[in-house]
Amino acid sequence: MITARKSAWFQRLFALYNRNLMARRFEGLRARGLAQLKERRGDAPLVLYCNHSSWWDGLVAFHVSQVCAFDSYAMMEEKHLREYSFHRRLGAFSVVREILARRFAASLTPPSCCAARSCIMDFPQGQTAPNDVRPLQFFTGVARIVQSVGVVDAAPLALRYEFLDDFRPAAFLRVGSPERIIVDRNFQPKLLTLAFAEKLTQTLDALRGDILARDFAAYEELLASRRRKRKTRGNN
């Protein structure tokens, strides 16, 4: 296992770089449902399980963690983390498919996680796949993390990228309702994995419906491209 070695200064520097990078490459970033993450009780770690359709997913998820002021961590395959070791400074730790970093997960149990607002982000598909592939195929890693911690809030995070009115794609995300999960003697990781896949599928389908209908009233703008900002200032 490769452990995370978070660096506050590196994280601040990378957050600035990441924000500027996305502002150049995307027409904008819109989000729905973040308020329910910010307003949760915060007495247990948060687990966000996300779909993985693009190279950008991890960077968008990192930006979300900054917006919500989470102390975020992410699971990465060990071979990828060895190749891109700087991710350790952002909170990445390694897994070898189904071999979980149990010692790390156990260190996030309450009460130590409460003040730090710890959040584990995971992409249970394990590899990129087109957004509309069904059914979603998940590895059980995220369920094993839940089992190790014992008590978590878990929520699906759906990500999608679409070309709308600009030569650059627009990025969208929608968060499903968090649920409290308490592990007991009847806990079955495979059943929880299937439940997570179903909930993320529902959230992805709802996000797709919003985009097809161009119904963005409930979305907040996390990031606007420089071009659109200039247009907005010019209309004032």
Protein backbone atom coordinates (compact mmCIF):
# COMPACT_ATOMS: atom_id res chain seq x y z
CA MET A 1 0.00 0.00 0.00
CA ILE A 2 1.10 3.58 -0.69
CA THR A 3 -0.20 6.05 1.88
CA ALA A 4 -1.30 9.63 1.33
CA ARG A 5 1.14 12.38 2.32
CA LYS A 6 -0.98 15.50 2.14
CA SER A 7 0.73 18.84 1.77
CA ALA A 8 -1.29 21.98 2.56
CA TRP A 9 0.88 24.32 0.47
CA PHE A 10 0.93 21.94 -2.51
CA GLN A 11 -2.83 21.51 -2.30
CA ARG A 12 -3.39 25.28 -2.35
CA LEU A 13 -1.05 25.68 -5.32
CA PHE A 14 -2.64 22.80 -7.22
CA ALA A 15 -6.15 24.12 -6.49
CA LEU A 16 -5.24 27.41 -8.19
CA TYR A 17 -3.67 25.62 -11.15
CA ASN A 18 -6.63 23.27 -11.46
CA ARG A 19 -9.18 26.07 -11.36
CA ASN A 20 -7.37 28.01 -14.09
CA LEU A 21 -6.96 24.88 -16.20
CA MET A 22 -10.66 24.06 -16.10
CA ALA A 23 -11.62 27.68 -16.81
CA ARG A 24 -9.56 27.50 -20.00
CA ARG A 25 -10.74 24.09 -21.15
CA PHE A 26 -14.44 24.14 -20.19
CA GLU A 27 -17.28 26.47 -21.11
CA GLY A 28 -18.31 26.23 -17.46
CA LEU A 29 -18.91 23.92 -14.52
CA ARG A 30 -22.42 23.65 -13.08
CA ALA A 31 -23.43 21.65 -10.02
CA ARG A 32 -26.67 20.52 -8.42
CA GLY A 33 -27.03 19.17 -4.90
CA LEU A 34 -23.85 20.40 -3.23
CA ALA A 35 -25.81 22.13 -0.46
CA GLN A 36 -26.86 18.80 1.01
CA LEU A 37 -23.20 17.85 1.37
CA LYS A 38 -22.25 21.13 3.00
CA GLU A 39 -25.20 21.01 5.39
CA ARG A 40 -24.85 17.41 6.61
CA ARG A 41 -24.14 16.80 10.30
CA GLY A 42 -20.44 16.09 9.76
CA ASP A 43 -20.17 13.54 12.57
CA ALA A 44 -19.02 10.76 10.22
CA PRO A 45 -16.74 10.59 7.17
CA LEU A 46 -18.29 11.26 3.78
CA VAL A 47 -17.90 8.80 0.92
CA LEU A 48 -18.59 10.06 -2.60
CA TYR A 49 -18.78 7.37 -5.28
CA CYS A 50 -18.48 8.75 -8.80
CA ASN A 51 -18.81 7.55 -12.37
CA HIS A 52 -15.64 7.55 -14.45
CA SER A 53 -16.12 8.62 -18.07
CA SER A 54 -13.25 11.05 -18.59
CA TRP A 55 -9.67 11.94 -17.72
CA TRP A 56 -11.13 15.11 -16.17
CA ASP A 57 -13.20 13.35 -13.50
CA GLY A 58 -10.56 13.41 -10.78
CA LEU A 59 -9.82 17.10 -11.34
CA VAL A 60 -13.51 18.02 -11.22
CA ALA A 61 -13.94 15.96 -8.04
CA PHE A 62 -10.92 17.71 -6.50
CA HIS A 63 -12.47 21.10 -7.32
CA VAL A 64 -15.69 19.99 -5.61
CA SER A 65 -13.71 19.08 -2.50
CA GLN A 66 -12.21 22.58 -2.48
CA VAL A 67 -15.58 24.28 -2.93
CA CYS A 68 -17.03 22.25 -0.04
CA ALA A 69 -13.89 22.65 2.13
CA PHE A 70 -13.49 18.90 2.60
CA ASP A 71 -10.36 17.19 3.85
CA SER A 72 -10.48 14.90 0.84
CA TYR A 73 -8.79 11.61 0.02
CA ALA A 74 -9.00 9.43 -3.06
CA MET A 75 -8.27 5.83 -3.87
CA MET A 76 -5.99 5.14 -6.84
CA GLU A 77 -4.59 1.98 -8.29
CA GLU A 78 -1.08 1.44 -7.01
CA LYS A 79 0.54 1.33 -10.48
CA HIS A 80 -1.01 4.70 -11.37
CA LEU A 81 -0.04 6.29 -8.08
CA ARG A 82 3.56 5.14 -8.51
CA GLU A 83 3.59 6.77 -11.94
CA TYR A 84 1.98 10.02 -10.75
CA SER A 85 3.24 10.16 -7.19
CA PHE A 86 2.42 13.87 -6.74
CA HIS A 87 -1.20 12.79 -6.17
CA ARG A 88 -0.11 11.61 -2.71
CA ARG A 89 0.26 15.27 -1.71
CA LEU A 90 -3.39 15.79 -2.68
CA GLY A 91 -4.60 12.87 -0.54
CA ALA A 92 -4.37 9.90 -2.91
CA PHE A 93 -3.59 6.48 -1.46
CA SER A 94 -3.19 3.20 -3.27
CA VAL A 95 -5.34 0.15 -3.69
CA VAL A 96 -4.60 -2.97 -5.66
CA ARG A 97 -8.08 -3.58 -7.03
CA GLU A 98 -9.86 -5.42 -4.22
CA ILE A 99 -7.02 -5.16 -1.67
CA LEU A 100 -8.16 -2.30 0.51
CA ALA A 101 -6.07 0.12 2.53
CA ARG A 102 -7.90 -0.89 5.71
CA ARG A 103 -5.44 0.73 8.07
CA PHE A 104 -5.91 4.06 6.33
CA ALA A 105 -9.69 3.82 6.28
CA ALA A 106 -9.78 2.90 9.96
CA SER A 107 -7.80 6.06 10.78
CA LEU A 108 -10.73 8.17 9.54
CA THR A 109 -13.24 6.86 12.05
CA PRO A 110 -14.97 9.31 14.42
CA PRO A 111 -14.24 11.44 16.32
CA SER A 112 -11.02 12.38 14.51
CA CYS A 113 -12.83 12.92 11.20
CA CYS A 114 -15.41 15.35 12.57
CA ALA A 115 -13.29 18.50 12.71
CA ALA A 116 -11.44 17.69 9.50
CA ARG A 117 -14.60 17.02 7.44
CA SER A 118 -12.94 13.98 5.91
CA CYS A 119 -14.18 12.84 2.52
CA ILE A 120 -13.15 9.76 0.55
CA MET A 121 -13.75 9.98 -3.20
CA ASP A 122 -13.86 6.78 -5.20
CA PHE A 123 -14.46 5.74 -8.81
CA PRO A 124 -15.77 2.19 -8.31
CA GLN A 125 -15.77 1.35 -12.03
CA GLY A 126 -11.99 1.18 -11.85
CA GLN A 127 -11.59 2.38 -15.44
CA THR A 128 -13.15 4.91 -17.79
CA ALA A 129 -16.33 3.93 -19.60
CA PRO A 130 -18.88 5.86 -21.69
CA ASN A 131 -21.45 7.70 -19.59
CA ASP A 132 -24.44 5.82 -20.96
CA VAL A 133 -23.09 2.28 -20.57
CA ARG A 134 -25.52 0.18 -18.54
CA PRO A 135 -25.37 -1.56 -16.20
CA LEU A 136 -22.59 0.14 -14.26
CA GLN A 137 -20.00 -2.39 -13.19
CA PHE A 138 -18.51 -1.64 -9.76
CA PHE A 139 -15.65 -3.19 -7.83
CA THR A 140 -16.39 -3.69 -4.13
CA GLY A 141 -13.57 -1.43 -2.92
CA VAL A 142 -15.81 1.43 -1.81
CA ALA A 143 -18.02 -0.97 0.16
CA ARG A 144 -14.93 -2.38 1.87
CA ILE A 145 -13.95 1.14 2.89
CA VAL A 146 -17.41 1.59 4.42
CA GLN A 147 -17.00 -1.73 6.24
CA SER A 148 -13.63 -0.66 7.63
CA VAL A 149 -14.85 2.72 8.87
CA GLY A 150 -18.13 1.43 10.32
CA VAL A 151 -20.24 4.60 10.08
CA VAL A 152 -20.28 6.86 7.01
CA ASP A 153 -22.46 9.19 5.00
CA ALA A 154 -22.42 8.07 1.37
CA ALA A 155 -23.67 9.86 -1.74
CA PRO A 156 -23.45 9.37 -5.52
CA LEU A 157 -21.69 12.02 -7.58
CA ALA A 158 -22.63 12.00 -11.28
CA LEU A 159 -20.36 13.71 -13.80
CA ARG A 160 -21.07 14.54 -17.44
CA TYR A 161 -19.55 16.66 -20.21
CA GLU A 162 -21.55 18.09 -23.11
CA PHE A 163 -20.99 20.43 -26.05
CA LEU A 164 -23.79 23.00 -25.95
CA ASP A 165 -23.30 26.59 -27.13
CA ASP A 166 -19.52 26.78 -27.25
CA PHE A 167 -16.57 25.08 -28.92
CA ARG A 168 -15.57 23.83 -25.47
CA PRO A 169 -17.54 21.27 -23.52
CA ALA A 170 -19.58 22.25 -20.49
CA ALA A 171 -19.06 20.19 -17.34
CA PHE A 172 -21.98 19.18 -15.15
CA LEU A 173 -22.30 17.34 -11.88
CA ARG A 174 -25.25 16.25 -9.79
CA VAL A 175 -25.08 14.89 -6.25
CA GLY A 176 -27.62 12.39 -4.94
CA SER A 177 -28.98 12.48 -1.41
CA PRO A 178 -26.46 11.34 1.23
CA GLU A 179 -27.46 8.34 3.33
CA ARG A 180 -26.13 7.24 6.69
CA ILE A 181 -24.69 3.73 6.57
CA ILE A 182 -23.99 1.88 9.81
CA VAL A 183 -22.19 -1.42 9.49
CA ASP A 184 -23.60 -4.31 11.53
CA ARG A 185 -23.14 -8.07 11.60
CA ASN A 186 -25.43 -8.48 8.59
CA PHE A 187 -23.37 -6.15 6.40
CA GLN A 188 -22.73 -7.54 2.90
CA PRO A 189 -20.25 -5.59 0.73
CA LYS A 190 -21.59 -7.02 -2.53
CA LEU A 191 -25.15 -5.93 -1.76
CA LEU A 192 -23.99 -2.43 -0.85
CA THR A 193 -21.95 -2.30 -4.07
CA LEU A 194 -25.06 -3.16 -6.11
CA ALA A 195 -27.07 -0.53 -4.22
CA PHE A 196 -24.41 2.10 -4.91
CA ALA A 197 -24.39 1.22 -8.61
CA GLU A 198 -28.19 1.56 -8.78
CA LYS A 199 -28.18 4.94 -7.00
CA LEU A 200 -25.41 6.32 -9.17
CA THR A 201 -27.27 5.11 -12.27
CA GLN A 202 -30.37 6.97 -11.13
CA THR A 203 -28.35 10.13 -10.50
CA LEU A 204 -26.64 9.87 -13.88
CA ASP A 205 -29.99 9.43 -15.62
CA ALA A 206 -31.42 12.45 -13.78
CA LEU A 207 -28.40 14.54 -14.82
CA ARG A 208 -28.80 13.44 -18.43
CA GLY A 209 -32.49 14.41 -18.28
CA ASP A 210 -31.63 17.88 -16.97
CA ILE A 211 -29.17 18.45 -19.80
CA LEU A 212 -31.51 17.19 -22.51
CA ALA A 213 -34.22 19.52 -21.19
CA ARG A 214 -31.70 22.31 -20.60
CA ASP A 215 -33.19 22.61 -17.14
CA PHE A 216 -30.41 24.27 -15.19
CA ALA A 217 -32.49 26.33 -12.75
CA ALA A 218 -31.39 24.23 -9.78
CA TYR A 219 -27.69 24.30 -10.76
CA GLU A 220 -25.12 26.63 -9.28
CA GLU A 221 -22.21 27.94 -11.32
CA LEU A 222 -18.97 26.70 -9.81
CA LEU A 223 -16.82 27.91 -12.65
CA ALA A 224 -17.45 30.14 -15.66
CA SER A 225 -15.09 30.40 -18.60
CA ARG A 226 -13.20 33.65 -19.02
CA ARG A 227 -15.00 34.24 -22.30
CA ARG A 228 -18.42 33.99 -20.68
CA LYS A 229 -17.30 36.23 -17.82
CA ARG A 230 -16.28 38.88 -20.33
CA LYS A 231 -19.68 38.59 -22.05
CA THR A 232 -21.44 39.00 -18.70
CA ARG A 233 -19.43 42.11 -17.82
CA GLY A 234 -20.09 43.52 -21.29
CA ASN A 235 -23.85 43.20 -20.80
CA ASN A 236 -23.83 45.08 -17.50
